[in-house]
């Protein structure tokens, strides 16, 4: 009795499915690597920006202290500049508005 190795016959559709899944896995892996690389670059850029802003704010604080000291030496006083703040509201179709609200909005302008 000779035992022959019986080859398992795998359907073609199953082979195609395996190949397709391998391709998808490879594409997913490459996509993840690309996004990871992009995220690390973005993190570095964000860190540089934050560092620049921090240096800017430190410089502003030092200038403020310097100006206060100069004013004190001259016998005067330093007044901080007021914050500039604007509220801008765009209203579409003022005619479709309640009369009281329309009057309030027109008096603000």
C-alpha atoms as a PDB file:
ATOM      1  CA  UNK A   1       0.000   0.000   0.000  1.00  0.00           C
ATOM      2  CA  UNK A   2       1.622   3.155  -1.173  1.00  0.00           C
ATOM      3  CA  UNK A   3       0.420   6.243   0.549  1.00  0.00           C
ATOM      4  CA  UNK A   4       0.402   9.112  -1.832  1.00  0.00           C
ATOM      5  CA  UNK A   5       0.309  12.646  -0.622  1.00  0.00           C
ATOM      6  CA  UNK A   6      -3.112  13.867  -1.488  1.00  0.00           C
ATOM      7  CA  UNK A   7      -3.050  17.437  -2.673  1.00  0.00           C
ATOM      8  CA  UNK A   8      -5.893  19.440  -1.305  1.00  0.00           C
ATOM      9  CA  UNK A   9      -7.698  21.137  -4.111  1.00  0.00           C
ATOM     10  CA  UNK A  10      -8.388  24.751  -3.193  1.00  0.00           C
ATOM     11  CA  UNK A  11     -11.131  26.495  -5.112  1.00  0.00           C
ATOM     12  CA  UNK A  12     -10.043  29.370  -7.324  1.00  0.00           C
ATOM     13  CA  UNK A  13     -12.475  31.778  -5.647  1.00  0.00           C
ATOM     14  CA  UNK A  14     -10.839  31.085  -2.289  1.00  0.00           C
ATOM     15  CA  UNK A  15      -7.389  31.743  -3.757  1.00  0.00           C
ATOM     16  CA  UNK A  16      -8.617  35.019  -5.232  1.00  0.00           C
ATOM     17  CA  UNK A  17     -10.144  35.976  -1.894  1.00  0.00           C
ATOM     18  CA  UNK A  18      -6.867  35.309  -0.053  1.00  0.00           C
ATOM     19  CA  UNK A  19      -4.913  37.333  -2.615  1.00  0.00           C
ATOM     20  CA  UNK A  20      -7.389  40.217  -2.370  1.00  0.00           C
ATOM     21  CA  UNK A  21      -7.240  40.196   1.441  1.00  0.00           C
ATOM     22  CA  UNK A  22      -3.439  40.193   1.340  1.00  0.00           C
ATOM     23  CA  UNK A  23      -3.500  43.175  -1.015  1.00  0.00           C
ATOM     24  CA  UNK A  24      -5.922  44.993   1.275  1.00  0.00           C
ATOM     25  CA  UNK A  25      -3.801  44.247   4.331  1.00  0.00           C
ATOM     26  CA  UNK A  26      -0.717  45.560   2.541  1.00  0.00           C
ATOM     27  CA  UNK A  27      -2.520  48.718   1.434  1.00  0.00           C
ATOM     28  CA  UNK A  28      -3.825  49.276   4.958  1.00  0.00           C
ATOM     29  CA  UNK A  29      -0.361  48.798   6.428  1.00  0.00           C
ATOM     30  CA  UNK A  30       1.153  51.272   3.954  1.00  0.00           C
ATOM     31  CA  UNK A  31      -1.629  53.758   4.677  1.00  0.00           C
ATOM     32  CA  UNK A  32      -1.039  53.497   8.419  1.00  0.00           C
ATOM     33  CA  UNK A  33       2.690  54.023   7.955  1.00  0.00           C
ATOM     34  CA  UNK A  34       2.062  57.071   5.774  1.00  0.00           C
ATOM     35  CA  UNK A  35      -0.360  58.622   8.278  1.00  0.00           C
ATOM     36  CA  UNK A  36       2.025  57.881  11.131  1.00  0.00           C
ATOM     37  CA  UNK A  37       4.849  59.623   9.290  1.00  0.00           C
ATOM     38  CA  UNK A  38       2.605  62.584   8.458  1.00  0.00           C
ATOM     39  CA  UNK A  39       1.443  62.838  12.077  1.00  0.00           C
ATOM     40  CA  UNK A  40       5.002  62.893  13.404  1.00  0.00           C
ATOM     41  CA  UNK A  41       5.885  65.701  10.976  1.00  0.00           C
ATOM     42  CA  UNK A  42       2.762  67.616  12.003  1.00  0.00           C
ATOM     43  CA  UNK A  43       3.616  67.164  15.677  1.00  0.00           C
ATOM     44  CA  UNK A  44       7.081  68.590  15.088  1.00  0.00           C
ATOM     45  CA  UNK A  45       5.601  71.553  13.220  1.00  0.00           C
ATOM     46  CA  UNK A  46       3.029  72.183  15.950  1.00  0.00           C
ATOM     47  CA  UNK A  47       5.746  72.021  18.602  1.00  0.00           C
ATOM     48  CA  UNK A  48       7.850  74.580  16.707  1.00  0.00           C
ATOM     49  CA  UNK A  49       4.869  76.926  16.386  1.00  0.00           C
ATOM     50  CA  UNK A  50       4.000  76.602  20.064  1.00  0.00           C
ATOM     51  CA  UNK A  51       7.604  77.316  20.999  1.00  0.00           C
ATOM     52  CA  UNK A  52       7.612  80.414  18.784  1.00  0.00           C
ATOM     53  CA  UNK A  53       4.358  81.662  20.362  1.00  0.00           C
ATOM     54  CA  UNK A  54       5.713  81.065  23.860  1.00  0.00           C
ATOM     55  CA  UNK A  55       8.829  83.090  23.009  1.00  0.00           C
ATOM     56  CA  UNK A  56       6.623  85.861  21.617  1.00  0.00           C
ATOM     57  CA  UNK A  57       4.548  85.999  24.801  1.00  0.00           C
ATOM     58  CA  UNK A  58       7.670  86.041  26.981  1.00  0.00           C
ATOM     59  CA  UNK A  59       9.025  88.915  24.911  1.00  0.00           C
ATOM     60  CA  UNK A  60       5.758  90.839  25.326  1.00  0.00           C
ATOM     61  CA  UNK A  61       5.860  90.332  29.092  1.00  0.00           C
ATOM     62  CA  UNK A  62       9.468  91.523  29.248  1.00  0.00           C
ATOM     63  CA  UNK A  63       8.574  94.607  27.198  1.00  0.00           C
ATOM     64  CA  UNK A  64       5.678  95.343  29.541  1.00  0.00           C
ATOM     65  CA  UNK A  65       7.947  95.089  32.584  1.00  0.00           C
ATOM     66  CA  UNK A  66      10.585  97.251  30.881  1.00  0.00           C
ATOM     67  CA  UNK A  67       8.028  99.944  30.030  1.00  0.00           C
ATOM     68  CA  UNK A  68       6.674  99.963  33.592  1.00  0.00           C
ATOM     69  CA  UNK A  69      10.190 100.328  34.994  1.00  0.00           C
ATOM     70  CA  UNK A  70      11.002 103.167  32.600  1.00  0.00           C
ATOM     71  CA  UNK A  71       7.817 104.988  33.547  1.00  0.00           C
ATOM     72  CA  UNK A  72       8.591 104.512  37.241  1.00  0.00           C
ATOM     73  CA  UNK A  73      12.100 105.928  36.801  1.00  0.00           C
ATOM     74  CA  UNK A  74      10.740 108.977  34.997  1.00  0.00           C
ATOM     75  CA  UNK A  75       8.281 109.571  37.825  1.00  0.00           C
ATOM     76  CA  UNK A  76       5.220 108.733  35.768  1.00  0.00           C
ATOM     77  CA  UNK A  77       3.122 105.631  35.508  1.00  0.00           C
ATOM     78  CA  UNK A  78       2.431 103.130  32.768  1.00  0.00           C
ATOM     79  CA  UNK A  79      -1.109 102.470  31.583  1.00  0.00           C
ATOM     80  CA  UNK A  80      -1.673  99.085  29.996  1.00  0.00           C
ATOM     81  CA  UNK A  81      -3.196  99.224  26.522  1.00  0.00           C
ATOM     82  CA  UNK A  82      -6.813  98.154  26.461  1.00  0.00           C
ATOM     83  CA  UNK A  83      -7.759  94.945  24.724  1.00  0.00           C
ATOM     84  CA  UNK A  84      -9.226  95.313  21.260  1.00  0.00           C
ATOM     85  CA  UNK A  85     -12.361  93.265  20.952  1.00  0.00           C
ATOM     86  CA  UNK A  86     -15.037  93.334  18.279  1.00  0.00           C
ATOM     87  CA  UNK A  87     -18.295  91.452  18.084  1.00  0.00           C
ATOM     88  CA  UNK A  88     -19.431  91.099  14.510  1.00  0.00           C
ATOM     89  CA  UNK A  89     -22.848  89.675  13.761  1.00  0.00           C
ATOM     90  CA  UNK A  90     -24.163  89.084  10.281  1.00  0.00           C
ATOM     91  CA  UNK A  91     -27.920  89.104  10.069  1.00  0.00           C
ATOM     92  CA  UNK A  92     -29.538  87.724   6.969  1.00  0.00           C
ATOM     93  CA  UNK A  93     -32.869  89.206   5.996  1.00  0.00           C
ATOM     94  CA  UNK A  94     -33.659  91.906   8.521  1.00  0.00           C
ATOM     95  CA  UNK A  95     -37.186  92.212   7.090  1.00  0.00           C
ATOM     96  CA  UNK A  96     -38.176  88.768   8.344  1.00  0.00           C
ATOM     97  CA  UNK A  97     -37.280  89.733  11.906  1.00  0.00           C
ATOM     98  CA  UNK A  98     -39.549  90.668  14.811  1.00  0.00           C
ATOM     99  CA  UNK A  99     -40.013  94.469  14.959  1.00  0.00           C
ATOM    100  CA  UNK A 100     -38.537  94.844  18.433  1.00  0.00           C
ATOM    101  CA  UNK A 101     -35.428  92.859  17.513  1.00  0.00           C
ATOM    102  CA  UNK A 102     -35.096  94.850  14.284  1.00  0.00           C
ATOM    103  CA  UNK A 103     -35.234  98.118  16.243  1.00  0.00           C
ATOM    104  CA  UNK A 104     -32.531  96.895  18.660  1.00  0.00           C
ATOM    105  CA  UNK A 105     -30.287  95.826  15.788  1.00  0.00           C
ATOM    106  CA  UNK A 106     -30.749  99.106  13.918  1.00  0.00           C
ATOM    107  CA  UNK A 107     -29.913 101.139  17.020  1.00  0.00           C
ATOM    108  CA  UNK A 108     -26.661  99.221  17.514  1.00  0.00           C
ATOM    109  CA  UNK A 109     -25.327 100.204  14.096  1.00  0.00           C
END
